[in-house]
Protein backbone atom coordinates (compact mmCIF):
# COMPACT_ATOMS: atom_id res chain seq x y z
CA MET A 1 4.45 -12.18 2.14
CA LEU A 2 3.27 -8.63 1.39
CA SER A 3 6.17 -7.32 3.48
CA LEU A 4 8.58 -9.38 1.39
CA CYS A 5 7.13 -7.81 -1.77
CA ILE A 6 7.69 -4.35 -0.31
CA CYS A 7 11.19 -5.46 0.70
CA GLY A 8 11.84 -6.46 -2.93
CA THR A 9 10.81 -3.01 -4.17
CA ALA A 10 13.06 -1.34 -1.59
CA ILE A 11 16.12 -3.45 -2.44
CA THR A 12 15.78 -3.02 -6.21
CA SER A 13 15.25 0.73 -5.81
CA GLN A 14 18.32 1.00 -3.60
CA TYR A 15 20.43 -0.93 -6.10
CA LEU A 16 19.26 1.37 -8.90
CA ALA A 17 19.98 4.50 -6.85
CA GLU A 18 23.33 3.53 -5.29
CA LYS A 19 25.02 1.40 -7.95
CA TYR A 20 23.60 2.84 -11.18
CA LYS A 21 22.57 6.36 -10.02
CA VAL A 22 19.02 5.86 -11.32
CA ASN A 23 16.35 7.78 -9.37
CA THR A 24 13.08 7.39 -11.29
CA PRO A 25 10.32 6.43 -8.82
CA MET A 26 7.55 7.56 -11.18
CA LEU A 27 8.88 5.44 -14.05
CA GLN A 28 9.01 2.42 -11.74
CA SER A 29 5.41 3.01 -10.61
CA PHE A 30 4.31 3.61 -14.20
CA ILE A 31 5.51 0.14 -15.23
CA ASN A 32 3.52 -1.40 -12.39
CA TYR A 33 0.35 0.47 -13.34
CA CYS A 34 0.82 -0.65 -16.94
CA LEU A 35 0.93 -4.28 -15.80
CA LEU A 36 -2.26 -3.78 -13.79
CA PHE A 37 -3.85 -2.19 -16.84
CA LEU A 38 -2.85 -5.01 -19.18
CA ILE A 39 -4.18 -7.71 -16.83
CA TYR A 40 -7.09 -6.37 -14.80
CA THR A 41 -8.41 -3.48 -16.90
CA VAL A 42 -8.50 -5.75 -19.95
CA MET A 43 -10.38 -8.32 -17.85
CA LEU A 44 -12.99 -5.67 -17.01
CA ALA A 45 -13.34 -4.84 -20.71
CA PHE A 46 -14.56 -8.39 -21.38
CA GLN A 47 -17.00 -8.45 -18.43
CA SER A 48 -20.71 -8.12 -19.10
CA GLY A 49 -23.45 -6.12 -17.43
CA SER A 50 -22.70 -3.68 -14.61
CA ASP A 51 -19.17 -5.10 -14.22
CA ASN A 52 -18.16 -4.00 -17.73
CA LEU A 53 -15.40 -1.40 -17.98
CA LEU A 54 -17.47 1.14 -19.92
CA GLU A 55 -20.40 0.79 -17.53
CA ILE A 56 -18.15 1.35 -14.52
CA LEU A 57 -16.58 4.39 -16.18
CA ARG A 58 -20.00 5.81 -17.02
CA ARG A 59 -21.17 5.61 -13.41
CA LYS A 60 -18.04 6.15 -11.32
CA TRP A 61 -15.24 7.59 -13.48
CA TRP A 62 -14.67 10.63 -11.25
CA LYS A 63 -14.45 8.53 -8.08
CA TYR A 64 -11.78 6.29 -9.56
CA THR A 65 -9.93 9.32 -10.91
CA LEU A 66 -9.58 10.61 -7.34
CA LEU A 67 -8.59 7.15 -6.10
CA GLY A 68 -5.94 6.81 -8.82
CA LEU A 69 -4.59 10.28 -8.01
CA ALA A 70 -4.34 9.43 -4.28
CA ASP A 71 -2.57 6.14 -5.00
CA VAL A 72 -0.05 7.59 -7.47
CA GLU A 73 0.82 10.60 -5.33
CA ALA A 74 1.14 8.52 -2.15
CA ASN A 75 3.82 6.40 -3.81
CA TYR A 76 5.57 9.43 -5.26
CA LEU A 77 5.57 11.64 -2.14
CA ILE A 78 7.07 8.99 0.15
CA VAL A 79 9.92 8.24 -2.26
CA ARG A 80 10.55 11.93 -2.94
CA ALA A 81 10.69 12.68 0.80
CA TYR A 82 13.97 10.75 1.11
CA GLN A 83 15.68 13.56 -0.83
CA TYR A 84 14.78 16.13 1.83
CA THR A 85 14.57 14.44 5.21
CA THR A 86 16.17 11.59 7.12
CA LEU A 87 15.52 7.85 7.12
CA THR A 88 14.41 8.12 10.77
CA SER A 89 11.84 10.79 9.98
CA VAL A 90 10.40 8.78 7.09
CA GLN A 91 10.12 5.60 9.18
CA LEU A 92 8.49 7.37 12.13
CA LEU A 93 6.20 9.76 10.28
CA ASP A 94 5.08 7.07 7.82
CA CYS A 95 3.32 5.45 10.79
CA PHE A 96 1.04 8.51 10.86
CA GLY A 97 -1.00 6.71 8.22
CA ILE A 98 -2.19 4.08 10.72
CA PRO A 99 -4.20 6.41 13.02
CA VAL A 100 -5.49 8.22 9.91
CA LEU A 101 -6.55 4.85 8.50
CA MET A 102 -8.32 3.91 11.75
CA ALA A 103 -10.15 7.25 11.83
CA LEU A 104 -11.28 6.91 8.20
CA SER A 105 -12.38 3.31 8.84
CA TRP A 106 -14.40 4.51 11.85
CA PHE A 107 -16.33 7.10 9.85
CA ILE A 108 -16.46 5.57 6.35
CA LEU A 109 -16.48 1.82 6.98
CA ARG A 110 -18.18 2.19 10.39
CA ALA A 111 -15.53 0.00 12.02
CA ARG A 112 -15.64 -0.08 15.81
CA TYR A 113 -12.51 -0.89 17.78
CA LYS A 114 -11.97 -2.36 21.22
CA VAL A 115 -9.34 -1.36 23.76
CA ILE A 116 -7.14 -4.29 22.72
CA HIS A 117 -6.90 -2.87 19.17
CA PHE A 118 -5.55 0.46 20.41
CA ILE A 119 -3.08 -1.38 22.67
CA ALA A 120 -1.97 -3.50 19.70
CA VAL A 121 -1.37 -0.41 17.53
CA PHE A 122 0.65 1.17 20.34
CA VAL A 123 2.77 -2.00 20.65
CA CYS A 124 3.42 -1.99 16.88
CA LEU A 125 4.46 1.67 16.92
CA LEU A 126 6.72 0.89 19.88
CA GLY A 127 8.39 -1.73 17.70
CA VAL A 128 8.93 0.87 14.97
CA GLY A 129 10.53 3.17 17.55
CA THR A 130 12.86 0.34 18.56
CA MET A 131 13.79 -0.19 14.91
CA VAL A 132 14.58 3.51 14.44
CA GLY A 133 16.73 3.42 17.59
CA ALA A 134 18.61 0.46 16.16
CA ASP A 135 19.19 2.41 12.91
CA ILE A 136 20.73 5.31 14.83
CA LEU A 137 22.96 3.05 16.92
CA ALA A 138 24.05 1.16 13.80
CA GLY A 139 25.08 4.41 12.12
CA ARG A 140 22.53 4.38 9.29
CA GLU A 141 21.39 7.91 10.18
CA ASP A 142 24.14 9.74 8.30
CA ASN A 143 22.07 11.85 5.91
CA SER A 144 20.56 14.96 7.44
CA GLY A 145 18.58 15.85 4.32
CA SER A 146 18.50 19.14 2.45
CA ASP A 147 15.25 20.47 3.92
CA VAL A 148 13.88 18.37 6.76
CA LEU A 149 10.62 20.31 7.13
CA ILE A 150 9.62 19.84 3.48
CA GLY A 151 10.54 16.16 3.69
CA ASP A 152 8.48 15.63 6.85
CA ILE A 153 5.46 17.33 5.27
CA LEU A 154 5.80 15.12 2.19
CA VAL A 155 5.87 11.99 4.39
CA LEU A 156 2.75 13.07 6.30
CA LEU A 157 0.89 13.84 3.06
CA GLY A 158 2.00 10.55 1.50
CA ALA A 159 0.98 8.54 4.58
CA SER A 160 -2.44 10.23 4.64
CA LEU A 161 -3.00 9.49 0.94
CA TYR A 162 -1.99 5.87 1.53
CA ALA A 163 -4.66 5.71 4.25
CA VAL A 164 -7.29 7.13 1.87
CA SER A 165 -6.30 4.63 -0.82
CA ASN A 166 -6.39 1.69 1.60
CA VAL A 167 -9.82 2.57 2.99
CA CYS A 168 -11.20 2.88 -0.54
CA GLU A 169 -9.57 -0.45 -1.39
CA GLU A 170 -11.19 -2.17 1.58
CA TYR A 171 -14.61 -0.76 0.70
CA ILE A 172 -14.35 -1.77 -2.97
CA VAL A 173 -13.01 -5.30 -2.50
CA LYS A 174 -15.60 -6.09 0.20
CA LYS A 175 -18.60 -4.43 -1.45
CA LEU A 176 -17.76 -4.77 -5.17
CA SER A 177 -14.85 -6.84 -6.44
CA ARG A 178 -11.07 -7.12 -6.42
CA GLN A 179 -10.98 -7.04 -10.24
CA GLU A 180 -12.82 -3.71 -10.34
CA PHE A 181 -10.43 -2.09 -7.87
CA LEU A 182 -7.27 -3.31 -9.61
CA GLY A 183 -8.64 -2.63 -13.10
CA MET A 184 -9.61 0.95 -12.35
CA VAL A 185 -6.42 1.69 -10.40
CA GLY A 186 -4.47 0.25 -13.34
CA LEU A 187 -6.34 2.45 -15.82
CA PHE A 188 -6.21 5.78 -13.99
CA GLY A 189 -2.83 5.04 -12.39
CA THR A 190 -1.31 4.52 -15.84
CA ILE A 191 -2.80 7.77 -17.16
CA ILE A 192 -1.88 9.93 -14.14
CA SER A 193 1.61 8.48 -13.59
CA GLY A 194 2.31 8.68 -17.34
CA ILE A 195 1.47 12.39 -17.42
CA GLN A 196 3.48 13.08 -14.26
CA LEU A 197 6.36 11.02 -15.65
CA LEU A 198 6.62 13.26 -18.71
CA ILE A 199 6.55 16.37 -16.54
CA VAL A 200 8.98 15.56 -13.71
CA GLU A 201 11.26 12.70 -14.81
CA TYR A 202 11.90 12.91 -18.55
CA LYS A 203 15.40 14.35 -18.00
CA ASP A 204 16.33 11.64 -15.49
CA ILE A 205 15.12 8.91 -17.85
CA ALA A 206 17.18 10.35 -20.72
CA LYS A 207 20.33 10.09 -18.57
CA ILE A 208 19.93 6.34 -17.93
CA HIS A 209 22.61 4.21 -19.60
CA TRP A 210 20.52 1.12 -20.24
CA ASP A 211 21.96 -2.36 -19.98
CA TRP A 212 20.54 -5.76 -19.08
CA ARG A 213 21.28 -5.32 -15.34
CA ILE A 214 19.33 -2.07 -15.07
CA ALA A 215 16.49 -3.55 -17.12
CA LEU A 216 16.44 -6.61 -14.86
CA LEU A 217 16.19 -4.43 -11.75
CA PHE A 218 13.27 -2.53 -13.28
CA VAL A 219 11.54 -5.82 -14.10
CA ALA A 220 12.15 -7.16 -10.58
CA PHE A 221 10.73 -3.98 -9.04
CA ALA A 222 7.67 -4.10 -11.29
CA LEU A 223 6.99 -7.78 -10.49
CA CYS A 224 7.28 -7.19 -6.72
CA MET A 225 4.96 -4.18 -6.97
CA PHE A 226 2.51 -6.08 -9.18
CA CYS A 227 2.39 -8.97 -6.68
CA LEU A 228 1.86 -6.51 -3.83
CA TYR A 229 -1.07 -4.83 -5.60
CA SER A 230 -2.56 -8.17 -6.71
CA PHE A 231 -2.43 -9.92 -3.34
CA MET A 232 -3.13 -7.06 -0.93
CA PRO A 233 -6.87 -6.93 -1.82
CA LEU A 234 -7.13 -10.66 -1.02
CA VAL A 235 -5.68 -10.08 2.44
CA ILE A 236 -7.71 -6.93 3.07
CA LYS A 237 -10.90 -8.76 2.09
CA VAL A 238 -10.49 -11.37 4.81
CA THR A 239 -9.02 -9.03 7.44
CA SER A 240 -8.96 -5.22 7.24
CA ALA A 241 -6.81 -2.43 5.85
CA THR A 242 -5.61 -1.52 9.36
CA SER A 243 -4.37 -5.03 10.19
CA VAL A 244 -2.59 -5.25 6.82
CA ASN A 245 -0.80 -1.97 7.44
CA LEU A 246 0.30 -3.16 10.88
CA GLY A 247 1.64 -6.38 9.35
CA ILE A 248 3.66 -4.66 6.64
CA LEU A 249 5.52 -2.59 9.25
CA THR A 250 7.91 -5.55 9.19
CA ALA A 251 8.89 -4.68 5.59
CA ASP A 252 11.63 -2.28 6.75
CA LEU A 253 13.06 -5.00 8.94
CA TYR A 254 13.18 -7.51 6.09
CA SER A 255 15.00 -4.88 4.06
CA LEU A 256 17.47 -4.41 6.91
CA PHE A 257 18.10 -8.15 7.19
CA PHE A 258 18.82 -8.39 3.45
CA GLY A 259 20.88 -5.21 3.70
CA LEU A 260 23.23 -6.92 6.16
CA PHE A 261 24.47 -9.07 3.27
CA LEU A 262 23.83 -6.86 0.23
CA PHE A 263 24.76 -3.40 1.49
CA GLU A 264 26.94 -4.30 4.51
CA TYR A 265 24.66 -2.80 7.14
CA LYS A 266 25.77 -3.13 10.75
CA PHE A 267 23.76 -5.65 12.76
CA SER A 268 22.04 -4.76 16.03
CA GLY A 269 20.14 -7.04 18.39
CA LEU A 270 17.49 -4.34 18.57
CA TYR A 271 16.38 -5.33 15.04
CA ILE A 272 15.33 -8.75 16.33
CA LEU A 273 13.62 -7.12 19.31
CA SER A 274 11.73 -4.65 17.12
CA PHE A 275 10.61 -7.41 14.75
CA THR A 276 9.31 -9.42 17.73
CA VAL A 277 7.49 -6.43 19.21
CA ILE A 278 5.79 -5.58 15.90
CA MET A 279 4.70 -9.20 15.40
CA VAL A 280 3.30 -9.36 18.95
CA GLY A 281 1.27 -6.21 18.30
CA PHE A 282 0.09 -7.52 14.94
CA ILE A 283 -1.05 -10.87 16.41
CA LEU A 284 -2.69 -9.02 19.30
CA TYR A 285 -4.66 -6.86 16.85
CA CYS A 286 -5.79 -9.84 14.78
CA SER A 287 -6.75 -11.88 17.86
CA THR A 288 -9.99 -9.92 18.29
CA PRO A 289 -12.11 -8.99 15.24
CA THR A 290 -13.45 -5.47 14.94
CA ARG A 291 -17.18 -5.02 14.68
CA THR A 292 -19.22 -2.93 12.27
CA ALA A 293 -21.75 -0.42 13.57
CA GLU A 294 -25.22 -0.86 12.13
CA PRO A 295 -26.27 2.22 10.13
CA SER A 296 -29.41 3.83 11.52
CA GLU A 297 -31.04 4.56 8.18
CA SER A 298 -29.23 3.24 5.15
CA SER A 299 -29.94 0.85 2.33
CA VAL A 300 -26.25 0.04 2.02
CA PRO A 301 -25.29 -3.16 3.82
CA PRO A 302 -22.44 -2.78 6.33
CA VAL A 303 -18.90 -3.73 5.45
CA THR A 304 -17.75 -6.82 7.32
CA ASN A 305 -14.33 -6.64 8.97
CA ILE A 306 -14.28 -10.20 10.28
CA GLY A 307 -11.88 -12.46 8.43
CA ILE A 308 -14.44 -14.67 6.69
CA ASP A 309 -15.81 -14.18 3.17
CA ASN A 310 -19.57 -13.83 3.41
CA LEU A 311 -21.94 -15.58 1.06
CA GLY A 312 -23.49 -12.37 -0.25
CA LEU A 313 -20.16 -11.20 -1.67
CA LYS A 314 -19.57 -14.54 -3.36
CA LEU A 315 -23.02 -14.45 -4.94
CA GLU A 316 -22.55 -10.87 -6.10
CA GLU A 317 -19.14 -11.53 -7.64
CA SER A 318 -20.21 -14.69 -9.44
CA GLY A 319 -23.23 -12.98 -10.96
CA VAL A 320 -25.94 -15.12 -9.38
CA SER A 321 -29.36 -13.58 -9.89
CA GLU A 322 -31.22 -11.82 -7.10
CA THR A 323 -33.89 -14.51 -7.18
CA HIS A 324 -31.39 -17.27 -6.52
CA SER A 325 -29.90 -15.23 -3.68
CA ALA A 326 -33.30 -14.89 -2.04
CA VAL A 327 -34.00 -18.60 -2.39
CA LEU A 328 -30.61 -19.47 -0.93
């Protein structure tokens, strides 16, 4: 379902770019962050105690500023990279975020992997390679880009920032709450993307000839992005950021399948093969839960990567007192 949300953002963006000549990735992201702000940040404002918006800002404003910056720039850099490099490079190099994510999870979340997890990641990346091969054979690789090296660097930076954002997301939703993550990303994402929007895209926005079709595409993009941001923490909470990122590798394939009808892409049997290979790797990864290393000397309880909500998190989120927790 998350892959379908990403597919929706890709299709609407492509329609805007190809049919209406609208290239405003920051404006599209800004609308999404505004929706998050209006829903989740406002929810935090009405919370009481340590979950209140002002209390969170007082204690952790600088941490969420960095998180918001990483999230905004990750979205922007990947989209901007398409102007410089090729579709193949973006698809391949974007996978760089998965090993970065695993490394960050190892050191920050203390996740410990088994051999089967590394095999599963390799299988998924093999599926991506098959998909890229299918793109080349189908003739989709017809844009060499204006500066491939700059584009490749942008993809690597964007993928790394995605990994940072996802690790932070997993930590927050498992240790704190989903509402806090989405509320603070909505707040700082709106501020940062709004400032960047005024700096880099104000000329492009002024050139848009608005009509109801363009407005509808912007709304569709924002709703897909809002659903992606709203539901991803739920999936990460019961699995892990790494498994989610392996699963959403299928998003490009969904886009290709829709593109067969919408943009007249050429079909290749390798697309079916690559989808199957990625799904096999994803199921293989999820078949064995990762474990969490016990910290030697730390008062912070370990983050659980097994796909079951633990009782402590439920008690913490529902505001049950410490006394009741001890009794239970």
